[in-house]
Protein backbone atom coordinates (compact mmCIF):
# COMPACT_ATOMS: atom_id res chain seq x y z
CA MET A 1 67.22 55.34 153.16
CA SER A 2 63.87 55.99 151.47
CA PHE A 3 63.33 56.13 147.70
CA ILE A 4 62.90 59.94 147.83
CA GLN A 5 66.17 60.33 149.75
CA ARG A 6 67.99 58.23 147.17
CA ILE A 7 66.60 60.44 144.39
CA VAL A 8 67.79 63.64 146.11
CA SER A 9 71.28 62.33 146.83
CA ALA A 10 71.76 60.78 143.41
CA PRO A 11 73.87 62.53 140.69
CA ARG A 12 71.95 64.73 138.23
CA SER A 13 72.66 62.34 135.35
CA ILE A 14 70.97 59.52 137.26
CA ILE A 15 67.91 61.51 138.30
CA GLY A 16 66.74 61.73 134.70
CA SER A 17 66.51 57.94 134.43
CA VAL A 18 65.14 57.30 137.89
CA GLY A 19 62.30 59.78 137.43
CA ALA A 20 60.39 57.29 135.27
CA VAL A 21 60.54 54.44 137.81
CA GLU A 22 57.21 53.26 139.20
CA ALA A 23 56.42 54.00 142.83
CA SER A 24 56.66 50.25 143.53
CA ALA A 25 60.43 50.52 143.08
CA ALA A 26 60.62 51.82 146.65
CA SER A 27 61.12 48.26 147.82
CA ALA A 28 64.13 47.71 145.58
CA ALA A 29 67.64 47.40 147.01
CA PRO A 30 69.20 50.73 148.06
CA ALA A 31 71.45 52.33 145.44
CA VAL A 32 74.89 53.63 146.33
CA SER A 33 74.86 57.44 146.23
CA ALA A 34 77.60 59.14 144.25
CA ALA A 35 79.04 62.55 145.14
CA PRO A 36 79.71 65.07 142.36
CA VAL A 37 83.22 64.71 140.99
CA THR A 38 85.36 67.79 140.40
CA ALA A 39 88.15 67.49 137.87
CA VAL A 40 91.59 68.02 139.35
CA PRO A 41 93.71 70.59 137.48
CA SER A 42 96.57 68.94 135.65
CA THR A 43 99.62 70.01 133.70
CA VAL A 44 99.32 69.90 129.90
CA PHE A 45 102.52 69.00 128.05
CA VAL A 46 103.11 70.36 124.54
CA GLU A 47 105.69 68.66 122.35
CA LEU A 48 107.91 71.33 120.84
CA GLY A 49 110.51 69.06 119.32
CA THR A 50 114.27 69.36 119.47
CA ALA A 51 114.90 70.63 115.94
CA SER A 52 114.77 74.39 115.32
CA GLN A 53 112.40 75.59 112.61
CA GLN A 54 113.93 77.51 109.71
CA ALA A 55 112.33 79.22 106.76
CA ALA A 56 113.11 77.67 103.39
CA ILE A 57 114.06 80.71 101.29
CA SER A 58 115.07 80.27 97.67
CA ARG A 59 115.91 82.38 94.65
CA ASP A 60 115.26 81.02 91.15
CA GLY A 61 114.71 77.59 92.67
CA VAL A 62 118.06 77.55 94.49
CA ALA A 63 118.16 77.58 98.30
CA ILE A 64 119.76 80.68 99.79
CA PRO A 65 122.35 79.75 102.45
CA ILE A 66 122.63 81.46 105.82
CA VAL A 67 125.39 84.07 105.73
CA THR A 68 127.31 84.97 108.88
CA LEU A 69 128.05 88.69 109.14
CA ASN A 70 130.24 90.78 111.39
CA PRO A 71 127.67 92.76 113.47
CA THR A 72 129.99 95.73 114.05
CA ALA A 73 131.04 96.03 110.42
CA LEU A 74 127.44 95.61 109.26
CA GLN A 75 126.20 98.39 111.54
CA THR A 76 128.89 100.71 110.20
CA ALA A 77 128.01 99.88 106.61
CA LEU A 78 124.26 100.36 107.15
CA GLY A 79 124.90 103.76 108.69
CA THR A 80 126.01 105.06 105.29
CA THR A 81 123.10 103.63 103.28
CA THR A 82 119.57 104.81 102.56
CA THR A 83 116.68 102.75 103.91
CA VAL A 84 114.41 101.37 101.19
CA ASP A 85 110.78 101.06 102.25
CA ALA A 86 109.05 98.33 100.25
CA LYS A 87 105.49 97.07 100.43
CA VAL A 88 104.00 93.78 99.26
CA VAL A 89 101.91 94.49 96.15
CA SER A 90 101.05 90.92 95.14
CA GLN A 91 101.45 87.30 96.19
CA SER A 92 101.19 83.95 94.44
CA ILE A 93 98.39 82.70 96.73
CA GLN A 94 95.21 84.73 97.01
CA ALA A 95 94.81 86.59 100.30
CA GLY A 96 92.59 84.83 102.84
CA VAL A 97 93.30 81.30 101.58
CA SER A 98 94.48 78.78 104.19
CA VAL A 99 97.52 76.75 103.17
CA ALA A 100 99.42 73.86 104.70
CA GLN A 101 102.62 74.45 106.61
CA GLY A 102 105.57 74.54 104.25
CA THR A 103 103.58 75.94 101.31
CA THR A 104 105.63 78.21 99.05
CA VAL A 105 104.34 81.78 98.69
CA ASP A 106 105.93 84.18 96.21
CA LEU A 107 105.79 87.85 97.22
CA VAL A 108 106.30 90.88 94.98
CA LEU A 109 107.47 94.04 96.73
CA ALA A 110 107.72 97.58 95.40
CA GLU A 111 108.62 101.01 96.71
CA PRO A 112 105.51 103.17 97.32
CA SER A 113 107.31 106.08 95.68
CA SER A 114 107.36 104.12 92.40
CA ILE A 115 103.67 103.09 92.45
CA LYS A 116 101.43 105.57 90.68
CA VAL A 117 97.78 106.09 91.60
CA SER A 118 96.93 105.10 88.02
CA VAL A 119 97.67 101.41 88.78
CA LEU A 120 94.71 101.26 91.17
CA GLN A 121 91.38 99.86 90.13
CA ASP A 122 88.84 102.72 90.22
CA ALA A 123 91.60 105.28 90.70
CA PHE A 124 90.86 108.93 91.45
CA GLN A 125 91.96 110.51 88.18
CA PRO A 126 92.95 113.98 89.45
CA LEU A 127 95.75 112.23 91.39
CA ALA A 128 96.55 109.59 88.75
CA THR A 129 100.05 110.87 87.96
CA GLN A 130 101.13 111.08 91.59
CA SER A 131 102.69 108.23 93.54
CA LEU A 132 100.88 106.63 96.46
CA ASP A 133 103.69 107.81 98.69
CA ASP A 134 103.24 111.42 97.52
CA VAL A 135 99.48 111.28 98.10
CA TYR A 136 100.08 109.94 101.60
CA LYS A 137 102.61 112.62 102.50
CA ASN A 138 100.73 115.51 100.90
CA ILE A 139 97.16 114.68 101.92
CA VAL A 140 96.85 111.85 104.46
CA ARG A 141 99.85 111.92 106.79
CA ASP A 142 99.15 115.18 108.62
CA ASP A 143 95.35 114.91 108.76
CA PRO A 144 94.16 112.84 111.78
CA SER A 145 90.50 113.34 110.88
CA LEU A 146 91.05 111.93 107.41
CA GLN A 147 93.06 109.03 108.81
CA SER A 148 90.17 108.23 111.16
CA VAL A 149 87.74 108.08 108.22
CA LEU A 150 90.05 105.80 106.25
CA ALA A 151 90.63 103.52 109.23
CA ARG A 152 86.98 103.21 110.26
CA ASN A 153 85.51 102.47 106.84
CA THR A 154 86.18 99.49 104.61
CA SER A 155 84.34 100.75 101.54
CA PRO A 156 83.01 104.05 100.17
CA THR A 157 79.41 102.84 100.62
CA ALA A 158 79.92 102.94 104.40
CA LEU A 159 80.86 106.63 104.44
CA SER A 160 78.57 108.91 106.41
CA THR A 161 77.77 112.43 105.27
CA ALA A 162 80.33 113.76 107.76
CA ASP A 163 82.97 111.31 106.50
CA GLN A 164 82.37 112.39 102.91
CA ALA A 165 82.77 116.01 103.96
CA THR A 166 86.10 115.16 105.63
CA LEU A 167 87.40 113.55 102.42
CA THR A 168 86.18 116.44 100.28
CA THR A 169 87.78 119.03 102.55
CA ALA A 170 91.11 117.19 102.65
CA LEU A 171 91.23 117.00 98.86
CA SER A 172 90.16 120.61 98.40
CA GLN A 173 93.09 121.70 100.57
CA ALA A 174 95.29 119.93 98.03
CA ASP A 175 93.53 121.81 95.22
CA VAL A 176 91.63 118.71 94.10
CA THR A 177 87.88 118.72 93.53
CA VAL A 178 85.46 115.81 93.95
CA THR A 179 82.63 115.70 91.40
CA THR A 180 80.06 113.24 90.08
CA GLU A 181 82.03 112.67 86.87
CA PRO A 182 83.53 109.20 86.29
CA GLY A 183 87.02 109.03 87.80
CA GLN A 184 86.36 111.97 90.11
CA THR A 185 83.70 110.65 92.48
CA ILE A 186 83.83 110.36 96.27
CA ALA A 187 84.07 106.57 95.95
CA GLU A 188 87.16 106.76 93.76
CA ALA A 189 88.65 109.41 96.03
CA PHE A 190 88.13 107.14 99.04
CA ASN A 191 89.71 104.13 97.29
CA THR A 192 92.76 106.16 96.32
CA LEU A 193 93.27 107.79 99.71
CA GLN A 194 92.88 104.46 101.49
CA ALA A 195 95.50 102.91 99.20
CA ALA A 196 97.83 105.81 99.98
CA PHE A 197 97.13 105.31 103.70
CA THR A 198 98.11 101.65 103.31
CA PHE A 199 101.22 102.09 101.16
CA GLY A 200 102.51 105.46 102.29
CA THR A 201 105.68 105.68 104.34
């Protein structure tokens, strides 16, 4: 086999090093050609462990035990109760922070019907005395166009002229006017409606 033939049949990783060899290397001993190697698919095993994972839930520092209930009796009892819709309003670890497995996170929940617009930062003042749940039901819930604006935009600065018109129209139908006065601007209206869209039930 000639030197050129050995170069052609050699693996790509070897060609890079052979390319610098002097032409006089043609008289050297023939190298053994290597065929490309294709990795064979193999099974990957994942260790799941034999112990079941359980959440460590506590109240006032005391672990809450698992309570066994009668499914039939529970279903009957729940049929006579009113469902309470609660939303998380705060947590002990700032949102977006990565924590190690097993880290304790305290959550605070509240009913949207008990949260007034006035608790929002940069709240829309004409709606300040209403609850977020009321704003959702009265303005946001039955308006797909408004919902689209609230879902597509993350901040009032991203609103297009058409989006601003959609917000203004929705509020005007609820007898609320957007102005340039502090507390009544389109930015504050957007923040309030988006909060209602998030917390409303």
